[in-house]
Amino acid sequence: MSRKDKLIEKLLNNPKDFTFQEASIILKNFGYEKIKGGKTGGSRVAFHNGEKDYIRMHKPHPRNILKPYQINNLINDLIERGLLE
């Protein structure tokens, strides 16, 4: 099982310790890149896939752990785009 598959499996299990970095890795594997600067500076982050498709989230702080609603939103965003089943 690849690292991508392991991260996706972990995400789908709604863990309490899923990090922003792990979410970034999953999004990168699906072709999304983090947008730097502008309105997405600071804790508000957007990921773009080059096709006018954005996934936005708040970078958690002071810890790097995503909140449960952020995990659910990420799962739903990926399902809506046909990237997860």
PDB file of N, CA and C in Angstrom:
ATOM      1  N   MET A   1       0.855  -1.176   0.000  1.00  0.00           N
ATOM      2  CA  MET A   1       0.000   0.000   0.000  1.00  0.00           C
ATOM      3  C   MET A   1       0.902   1.241   0.000  1.00  0.00           C
ATOM      4  N   SER A   2       0.629   2.169  -0.897  1.00  0.00           N
ATOM      5  CA  SER A   2       1.448   3.371  -1.010  1.00  0.00           C
ATOM      6  C   SER A   2       1.153   4.352   0.127  1.00  0.00           C
ATOM      7  N   ARG A   3       2.032   5.339   0.272  1.00  0.00           N
ATOM      8  CA  ARG A   3       1.845   6.353   1.309  1.00  0.00           C
ATOM      9  C   ARG A   3       0.543   7.107   1.081  1.00  0.00           C
ATOM     10  N   LYS A   4       0.246   7.407  -0.193  1.00  0.00           N
ATOM     11  CA  LYS A   4      -0.997   8.102  -0.539  1.00  0.00           C
ATOM     12  C   LYS A   4      -2.199   7.283  -0.073  1.00  0.00           C
ATOM     13  N   ASP A   5      -2.182   5.997  -0.364  1.00  0.00           N
ATOM     14  CA  ASP A   5      -3.295   5.124   0.028  1.00  0.00           C
ATOM     15  C   ASP A   5      -3.442   5.058   1.551  1.00  0.00           C
ATOM     16  N   LYS A   6      -2.320   5.013   2.245  1.00  0.00           N
ATOM     17  CA  LYS A   6      -2.373   4.964   3.708  1.00  0.00           C
ATOM     18  C   LYS A   6      -2.950   6.258   4.284  1.00  0.00           C
ATOM     19  N   LEU A   7      -2.548   7.392   3.705  1.00  0.00           N
ATOM     20  CA  LEU A   7      -3.080   8.672   4.179  1.00  0.00           C
ATOM     21  C   LEU A   7      -4.572   8.796   3.902  1.00  0.00           C
ATOM     22  N   ILE A   8      -4.999   8.339   2.728  1.00  0.00           N
ATOM     23  CA  ILE A   8      -6.426   8.388   2.391  1.00  0.00           C
ATOM     24  C   ILE A   8      -7.218   7.499   3.339  1.00  0.00           C
ATOM     25  N   GLU A   9      -6.698   6.303   3.614  1.00  0.00           N
ATOM     26  CA  GLU A   9      -7.375   5.401   4.550  1.00  0.00           C
ATOM     27  C   GLU A   9      -7.466   6.039   5.933  1.00  0.00           C
ATOM     28  N   LYS A  10      -6.387   6.672   6.364  1.00  0.00           N
ATOM     29  CA  LYS A  10      -6.388   7.353   7.667  1.00  0.00           C
ATOM     30  C   LYS A  10      -7.420   8.475   7.675  1.00  0.00           C
ATOM     31  N   LEU A  11      -7.464   9.276   6.607  1.00  0.00           N
ATOM     32  CA  LEU A  11      -8.424  10.377   6.505  1.00  0.00           C
ATOM     33  C   LEU A  11      -9.853   9.862   6.610  1.00  0.00           C
ATOM     34  N   LEU A  12     -10.158   8.794   5.893  1.00  0.00           N
ATOM     35  CA  LEU A  12     -11.524   8.259   5.868  1.00  0.00           C
ATOM     36  C   LEU A  12     -11.954   7.667   7.210  1.00  0.00           C
ATOM     37  N   ASN A  13     -10.989   7.387   8.080  1.00  0.00           N
ATOM     38  CA  ASN A  13     -11.310   6.870   9.414  1.00  0.00           C
ATOM     39  C   ASN A  13     -11.529   7.987  10.427  1.00  0.00           C
ATOM     40  N   ASN A  14     -11.557   9.251   9.964  1.00  0.00           N
ATOM     41  CA  ASN A  14     -11.795  10.415  10.817  1.00  0.00           C
ATOM     42  C   ASN A  14     -10.926  10.415  12.079  1.00  0.00           C
ATOM     43  N   PRO A  15      -9.602  10.414  11.901  1.00  0.00           N
ATOM     44  CA  PRO A  15      -8.727  10.372  13.069  1.00  0.00           C
ATOM     45  C   PRO A  15      -8.723  11.689  13.833  1.00  0.00           C
ATOM     46  N   LYS A  16      -8.346  11.618  15.063  1.00  0.00           N
ATOM     47  CA  LYS A  16      -8.258  12.826  15.879  1.00  0.00           C
ATOM     48  C   LYS A  16      -6.883  13.478  15.779  1.00  0.00           C
ATOM     49  N   ASP A  17      -5.968  12.855  15.028  1.00  0.00           N
ATOM     50  CA  ASP A  17      -4.603  13.372  14.933  1.00  0.00           C
ATOM     51  C   ASP A  17      -4.167  13.629  13.488  1.00  0.00           C
ATOM     52  N   PHE A  18      -5.120  13.925  12.592  1.00  0.00           N
ATOM     53  CA  PHE A  18      -4.785  14.178  11.189  1.00  0.00           C
ATOM     54  C   PHE A  18      -4.253  15.598  11.050  1.00  0.00           C
ATOM     55  N   THR A  19      -3.070  15.727  10.463  1.00  0.00           N
ATOM     56  CA  THR A  19      -2.408  17.029  10.421  1.00  0.00           C
ATOM     57  C   THR A  19      -2.688  17.775   9.119  1.00  0.00           C
ATOM     58  N   PHE A  20      -2.459  19.072   9.175  1.00  0.00           N
ATOM     59  CA  PHE A  20      -2.584  19.912   7.988  1.00  0.00           C
ATOM     60  C   PHE A  20      -1.572  19.462   6.934  1.00  0.00           C
ATOM     61  N   GLN A  21      -0.394  19.062   7.367  1.00  0.00           N
ATOM     62  CA  GLN A  21       0.639  18.595   6.436  1.00  0.00           C
ATOM     63  C   GLN A  21       0.164  17.338   5.703  1.00  0.00           C
ATOM     64  N   GLU A  22      -0.489  16.422   6.406  1.00  0.00           N
ATOM     65  CA  GLU A  22      -1.000  15.206   5.763  1.00  0.00           C
ATOM     66  C   GLU A  22      -2.086  15.551   4.752  1.00  0.00           C
ATOM     67  N   ALA A  23      -2.954  16.504   5.097  1.00  0.00           N
ATOM     68  CA  ALA A  23      -3.988  16.947   4.162  1.00  0.00           C
ATOM     69  C   ALA A  23      -3.346  17.568   2.924  1.00  0.00           C
ATOM     70  N   SER A  24      -2.283  18.348   3.117  1.00  0.00           N
ATOM     71  CA  SER A  24      -1.575  18.969   2.001  1.00  0.00           C
ATOM     72  C   SER A  24      -0.971  17.912   1.071  1.00  0.00           C
ATOM     73  N   ILE A  25      -0.432  16.845   1.650  1.00  0.00           N
ATOM     74  CA  ILE A  25       0.158  15.765   0.857  1.00  0.00           C
ATOM     75  C   ILE A  25      -0.914  15.085   0.015  1.00  0.00           C
ATOM     76  N   ILE A  26      -2.072  14.816   0.615  1.00  0.00           N
ATOM     77  CA  ILE A  26      -3.168  14.191  -0.133  1.00  0.00           C
ATOM     78  C   ILE A  26      -3.597  15.091  -1.281  1.00  0.00           C
ATOM     79  N   LEU A  27      -3.791  16.374  -1.003  1.00  0.00           N
ATOM     80  CA  LEU A  27      -4.224  17.300  -2.051  1.00  0.00           C
ATOM     81  C   LEU A  27      -3.180  17.407  -3.163  1.00  0.00           C
ATOM     82  N   LYS A  28      -1.919  17.413  -2.799  1.00  0.00           N
ATOM     83  CA  LYS A  28      -0.852  17.468  -3.802  1.00  0.00           C
ATOM     84  C   LYS A  28      -0.894  16.231  -4.692  1.00  0.00           C
ATOM     85  N   ASN A  29      -1.149  15.068  -4.100  1.00  0.00           N
ATOM     86  CA  ASN A  29      -1.238  13.830  -4.881  1.00  0.00           C
ATOM     87  C   ASN A  29      -2.424  13.836  -5.842  1.00  0.00           C
ATOM     88  N   PHE A  30      -3.446  14.632  -5.543  1.00  0.00           N
ATOM     89  CA  PHE A  30      -4.595  14.771  -6.436  1.00  0.00           C
ATOM     90  C   PHE A  30      -4.426  15.938  -7.407  1.00  0.00           C
ATOM     91  N   GLY A  31      -3.237  16.553  -7.434  1.00  0.00           N
ATOM     92  CA  GLY A  31      -2.953  17.601  -8.395  1.00  0.00           C
ATOM     93  C   GLY A  31      -3.212  19.018  -7.921  1.00  0.00           C
ATOM     94  N   TYR A  32      -3.426  19.198  -6.640  1.00  0.00           N
ATOM     95  CA  TYR A  32      -3.673  20.537  -6.091  1.00  0.00           C
ATOM     96  C   TYR A  32      -2.363  21.117  -5.568  1.00  0.00           C
ATOM     97  N   GLU A  33      -2.223  22.420  -5.728  1.00  0.00           N
ATOM     98  CA  GLU A  33      -1.059  23.122  -5.201  1.00  0.00           C
ATOM     99  C   GLU A  33      -1.523  24.230  -4.277  1.00  0.00           C
ATOM    100  N   LYS A  34      -0.760  24.444  -3.235  1.00  0.00           N
ATOM    101  CA  LYS A  34      -1.073  25.502  -2.278  1.00  0.00           C
ATOM    102  C   LYS A  34      -0.783  26.858  -2.918  1.00  0.00           C
ATOM    103  N   ILE A  35      -1.739  27.757  -2.821  1.00  0.00           N
ATOM    104  CA  ILE A  35      -1.565  29.107  -3.349  1.00  0.00           C
ATOM    105  C   ILE A  35      -0.878  29.939  -2.289  1.00  0.00           C
ATOM    106  N   LYS A  36       0.139  30.653  -2.705  1.00  0.00           N
ATOM    107  CA  LYS A  36       0.920  31.451  -1.760  1.00  0.00           C
ATOM    108  C   LYS A  36       0.574  32.918  -1.891  1.00  0.00           C
ATOM    109  N   GLY A  37       0.523  33.598  -0.741  1.00  0.00           N
ATOM    110  CA  GLY A  37       0.332  35.041  -0.725  1.00  0.00           C
ATOM    111  C   GLY A  37      -1.095  35.474  -0.962  1.00  0.00           C
ATOM    112  N   GLY A  38      -1.279  36.774  -1.109  1.00  0.00           N
ATOM    113  CA  GLY A  38      -2.601  37.337  -1.371  1.00  0.00           C
ATOM    114  C   GLY A  38      -3.556  37.110  -0.229  1.00  0.00           C
ATOM    115  N   LYS A  39      -4.828  36.929  -0.578  1.00  0.00           N
ATOM    116  CA  LYS A  39      -5.861  36.746   0.437  1.00  0.00           C
ATOM    117  C   LYS A  39      -5.722  35.433   1.182  1.00  0.00           C
ATOM    118  N   THR A  40      -4.919  34.523   0.643  1.00  0.00           N
ATOM    119  CA  THR A  40      -4.770  33.248   1.327  1.00  0.00           C
ATOM    120  C   THR A  40      -3.580  33.246   2.273  1.00  0.00           C
ATOM    121  N   GLY A  41      -2.989  34.414   2.512  1.00  0.00           N
ATOM    122  CA  GLY A  41      -1.897  34.481   3.466  1.00  0.00           C
ATOM    123  C   GLY A  41      -2.424  34.267   4.872  1.00  0.00           C
ATOM    124  N   GLY A  42      -1.571  33.869   5.760  1.00  0.00           N
ATOM    125  CA  GLY A  42      -1.994  33.629   7.137  1.00  0.00           C
ATOM    126  C   GLY A  42      -2.613  32.260   7.300  1.00  0.00           C
ATOM    127  N   SER A  43      -3.648  32.169   8.128  1.00  0.00           N
ATOM    128  CA  SER A  43      -4.225  30.865   8.441  1.00  0.00           C
ATOM    129  C   SER A  43      -5.230  30.393   7.384  1.00  0.00           C
ATOM    130  N   ARG A  44      -5.664  31.262   6.528  1.00  0.00           N
ATOM    131  CA  ARG A  44      -6.604  30.872   5.475  1.00  0.00           C
ATOM    132  C   ARG A  44      -5.804  30.423   4.247  1.00  0.00           C
ATOM    133  N   VAL A  45      -6.019  29.170   3.836  1.00  0.00           N
ATOM    134  CA  VAL A  45      -5.210  28.573   2.779  1.00  0.00           C
ATOM    135  C   VAL A  45      -6.125  28.060   1.677  1.00  0.00           C
ATOM    136  N   ALA A  46      -5.682  28.222   0.428  1.00  0.00           N
ATOM    137  CA  ALA A  46      -6.419  27.691  -0.718  1.00  0.00           C
ATOM    138  C   ALA A  46      -5.495  26.775  -1.507  1.00  0.00           C
ATOM    139  N   PHE A  47      -6.068  25.712  -2.024  1.00  0.00           N
ATOM    140  CA  PHE A  47      -5.363  24.790  -2.903  1.00  0.00           C
ATOM    141  C   PHE A  47      -6.058  24.844  -4.251  1.00  0.00           C
ATOM    142  N   HIS A  48      -5.273  24.875  -5.336  1.00  0.00           N
ATOM    143  CA  HIS A  48      -5.791  25.049  -6.688  1.00  0.00           C
ATOM    144  C   HIS A  48      -5.262  23.928  -7.567  1.00  0.00           C
ATOM    145  N   ASN A  49      -6.121  23.421  -8.465  1.00  0.00           N
ATOM    146  CA  ASN A  49      -5.673  22.342  -9.340  1.00  0.00           C
ATOM    147  C   ASN A  49      -5.455  22.781 -10.785  1.00  0.00           C
ATOM    148  N   GLY A  50      -5.521  24.074 -11.063  1.00  0.00           N
ATOM    149  CA  GLY A  50      -5.272  24.561 -12.415  1.00  0.00           C
ATOM    150  C   GLY A  50      -6.501  24.607 -13.293  1.00  0.00           C
ATOM    151  N   GLU A  51      -7.633  24.175 -12.788  1.00  0.00           N
ATOM    152  CA  GLU A  51      -8.871  24.155 -13.576  1.00  0.00           C
ATOM    153  C   GLU A  51      -9.969  24.985 -12.918  1.00  0.00           C
ATOM    154  N   LYS A  52      -9.615  26.092 -12.322  1.00  0.00           N
ATOM    155  CA  LYS A  52     -10.565  26.959 -11.613  1.00  0.00           C
ATOM    156  C   LYS A  52     -11.292  26.214 -10.499  1.00  0.00           C
ATOM    157  N   ASP A  53     -10.621  25.252  -9.916  1.00  0.00           N
ATOM    158  CA  ASP A  53     -11.194  24.478  -8.822  1.00  0.00           C
ATOM    159  C   ASP A  53     -10.333  24.709  -7.585  1.00  0.00           C
ATOM    160  N   TYR A  54     -10.955  25.183  -6.533  1.00  0.00           N
ATOM    161  CA  TYR A  54     -10.253  25.506  -5.301  1.00  0.00           C
ATOM    162  C   TYR A  54     -10.816  24.688  -4.140  1.00  0.00           C
ATOM    163  N   ILE A  55      -9.928  24.301  -3.259  1.00  0.00           N
ATOM    164  CA  ILE A  55     -10.314  23.737  -1.970  1.00  0.00           C
ATOM    165  C   ILE A  55      -9.701  24.665  -0.931  1.00  0.00           C
ATOM    166  N   ARG A  56     -10.567  25.215  -0.082  1.00  0.00           N
ATOM    167  CA  ARG A  56     -10.115  26.183   0.920  1.00  0.00           C
ATOM    168  C   ARG A  56     -10.269  25.587   2.317  1.00  0.00           C
ATOM    169  N   MET A  57      -9.332  25.949   3.170  1.00  0.00           N
ATOM    170  CA  MET A  57      -9.400  25.520   4.562  1.00  0.00           C
ATOM    171  C   MET A  57      -8.570  26.466   5.421  1.00  0.00           C
ATOM    172  N   HIS A  58      -8.822  26.413   6.696  1.00  0.00           N
ATOM    173  CA  HIS A  58      -8.030  27.193   7.641  1.00  0.00           C
ATOM    174  C   HIS A  58      -6.916  26.308   8.176  1.00  0.00           C
ATOM    175  N   LYS A  59      -5.723  26.857   8.164  1.00  0.00           N
ATOM    176  CA  LYS A  59      -4.597  26.137   8.729  1.00  0.00           C
ATOM    177  C   LYS A  59      -4.716  26.223  10.246  1.00  0.00           C
ATOM    178  N   PRO A  60      -4.779  25.074  10.910  1.00  0.00           N
ATOM    179  CA  PRO A  60      -4.967  25.099  12.361  1.00  0.00           C
ATOM    180  C   PRO A  60      -3.750  25.671  13.074  1.00  0.00           C
ATOM    181  N   HIS A  61      -4.008  26.338  14.168  1.00  0.00           N
ATOM    182  CA  HIS A  61      -2.930  26.868  14.981  1.00  0.00           C
ATOM    183  C   HIS A  61      -3.419  26.990  16.411  1.00  0.00           C
ATOM    184  N   PRO A  62      -2.655  26.882  17.397  1.00  0.00           N
ATOM    185  CA  PRO A  62      -1.209  26.777  17.321  1.00  0.00           C
ATOM    186  C   PRO A  62      -0.728  25.376  16.983  1.00  0.00           C
ATOM    187  N   ARG A  63      -1.596  24.381  17.098  1.00  0.00           N
ATOM    188  CA  ARG A  63      -1.205  23.009  16.745  1.00  0.00           C
ATOM    189  C   ARG A  63      -1.483  22.771  15.272  1.00  0.00           C
ATOM    190  N   ASN A  64      -0.957  21.692  14.754  1.00  0.00           N
ATOM    191  CA  ASN A  64      -1.075  21.379  13.340  1.00  0.00           C
ATOM    192  C   ASN A  64      -2.194  20.364  13.065  1.00  0.00           C
ATOM    193  N   ILE A  65      -2.994  20.035  14.079  1.00  0.00           N
ATOM    194  CA  ILE A  65      -4.029  19.003  13.972  1.00  0.00           C
ATOM    195  C   ILE A  65      -5.329  19.621  13.454  1.00  0.00           C
ATOM    196  N   LEU A  66      -5.926  18.979  12.422  1.00  0.00           N
ATOM    197  CA  LEU A  66      -7.198  19.454  11.879  1.00  0.00           C
ATOM    198  C   LEU A  66      -8.335  19.133  12.842  1.00  0.00           C
ATOM    199  N   LYS A  67      -9.305  20.002  12.873  1.00  0.00           N
ATOM    200  CA  LYS A  67     -10.500  19.783  13.693  1.00  0.00           C
ATOM    201  C   LYS A  67     -11.428  18.812  12.950  1.00  0.00           C
ATOM    202  N   PRO A  68     -12.315  18.124  13.666  1.00  0.00           N
ATOM    203  CA  PRO A  68     -13.201  17.146  13.016  1.00  0.00           C
ATOM    204  C   PRO A  68     -14.013  17.717  11.848  1.00  0.00           C
ATOM    205  N   TYR A  69     -14.507  18.967  11.970  1.00  0.00           N
ATOM    206  CA  TYR A  69     -15.285  19.531  10.870  1.00  0.00           C
ATOM    207  C   TYR A  69     -14.405  19.757   9.640  1.00  0.00           C
ATOM    208  N   GLN A  70     -13.116  20.044   9.837  1.00  0.00           N
ATOM    209  CA  GLN A  70     -12.213  20.234   8.701  1.00  0.00           C
ATOM    210  C   GLN A  70     -11.961  18.917   7.974  1.00  0.00           C
ATOM    211  N   ILE A  71     -11.841  17.852   8.738  1.00  0.00           N
ATOM    212  CA  ILE A  71     -11.661  16.528   8.132  1.00  0.00           C
ATOM    213  C   ILE A  71     -12.894  16.161   7.330  1.00  0.00           C
ATOM    214  N   ASN A  72     -14.094  16.373   7.905  1.00  0.00           N
ATOM    215  CA  ASN A  72     -15.333  16.077   7.186  1.00  0.00           C
ATOM    216  C   ASN A  72     -15.461  16.923   5.926  1.00  0.00           C
ATOM    217  N   ASN A  73     -15.108  18.213   6.012  1.00  0.00           N
ATOM    218  CA  ASN A  73     -15.177  19.083   4.836  1.00  0.00           C
ATOM    219  C   ASN A  73     -14.222  18.614   3.746  1.00  0.00           C
ATOM    220  N   LEU A  74     -13.019  18.211   4.128  1.00  0.00           N
ATOM    221  CA  LEU A  74     -12.043  17.733   3.149  1.00  0.00           C
ATOM    222  C   LEU A  74     -12.538  16.457   2.474  1.00  0.00           C
ATOM    223  N   ILE A  75     -13.060  15.526   3.260  1.00  0.00           N
ATOM    224  CA  ILE A  75     -13.601  14.283   2.687  1.00  0.00           C
ATOM    225  C   ILE A  75     -14.727  14.613   1.704  1.00  0.00           C
ATOM    226  N   ASN A  76     -15.660  15.474   2.121  1.00  0.00           N
ATOM    227  CA  ASN A  76     -16.776  15.846   1.250  1.00  0.00           C
ATOM    228  C   ASN A  76     -16.301  16.542  -0.021  1.00  0.00           C
ATOM    229  N   ASP A  77     -15.320  17.437   0.097  1.00  0.00           N
ATOM    230  CA  ASP A  77     -14.779  18.123  -1.083  1.00  0.00           C
ATOM    231  C   ASP A  77     -14.182  17.123  -2.069  1.00  0.00           C
ATOM    232  N   LEU A  78     -13.449  16.147  -1.568  1.00  0.00           N
ATOM    233  CA  LEU A  78     -12.816  15.161  -2.445  1.00  0.00           C
ATOM    234  C   LEU A  78     -13.851  14.220  -3.069  1.00  0.00           C
ATOM    235  N   ILE A  79     -14.896  13.887  -2.324  1.00  0.00           N
ATOM    236  CA  ILE A  79     -15.967  13.040  -2.871  1.00  0.00           C
ATOM    237  C   ILE A  79     -16.725  13.786  -3.960  1.00  0.00           C
ATOM    238  N   GLU A  80     -17.054  15.067  -3.710  1.00  0.00           N
ATOM    239  CA  GLU A  80     -17.779  15.878  -4.690  1.00  0.00           C
ATOM    240  C   GLU A  80     -17.017  15.981  -6.009  1.00  0.00           C
ATOM    241  N   ARG A  81     -15.713  15.970  -5.945  1.00  0.00           N
ATOM    242  CA  ARG A  81     -14.894  16.105  -7.141  1.00  0.00           C
ATOM    243  C   ARG A  81     -14.582  14.743  -7.776  1.00  0.00           C
ATOM    244  N   GLY A  82     -15.113  13.687  -7.209  1.00  0.00           N
ATOM    245  CA  GLY A  82     -14.910  12.349  -7.762  1.00  0.00           C
ATOM    246  C   GLY A  82     -13.529  11.773  -7.493  1.00  0.00           C
ATOM    247  N   LEU A  83     -12.825  12.314  -6.511  1.00  0.00           N
ATOM    248  CA  LEU A  83     -11.500  11.840  -6.203  1.00  0.00           C
ATOM    249  C   LEU A  83     -11.503  10.738  -5.157  1.00  0.00           C
ATOM    250  N   LEU A  84     -12.570  10.648  -4.390  1.00  0.00           N
ATOM    251  CA  LEU A  84     -12.761   9.584  -3.406  1.00  0.00           C
ATOM    252  C   LEU A  84     -14.140   8.977  -3.610  1.00  0.00           C
ATOM    253  N   GLU A  85     -14.258   7.745  -3.182  1.00  0.00           N
ATOM    254  CA  GLU A  85     -15.568   7.065  -3.263  1.00  0.00           C
ATOM    255  C   GLU A  85     -16.199   6.977  -1.903  1.00  0.00           C
TER     256      GLU A  85
END
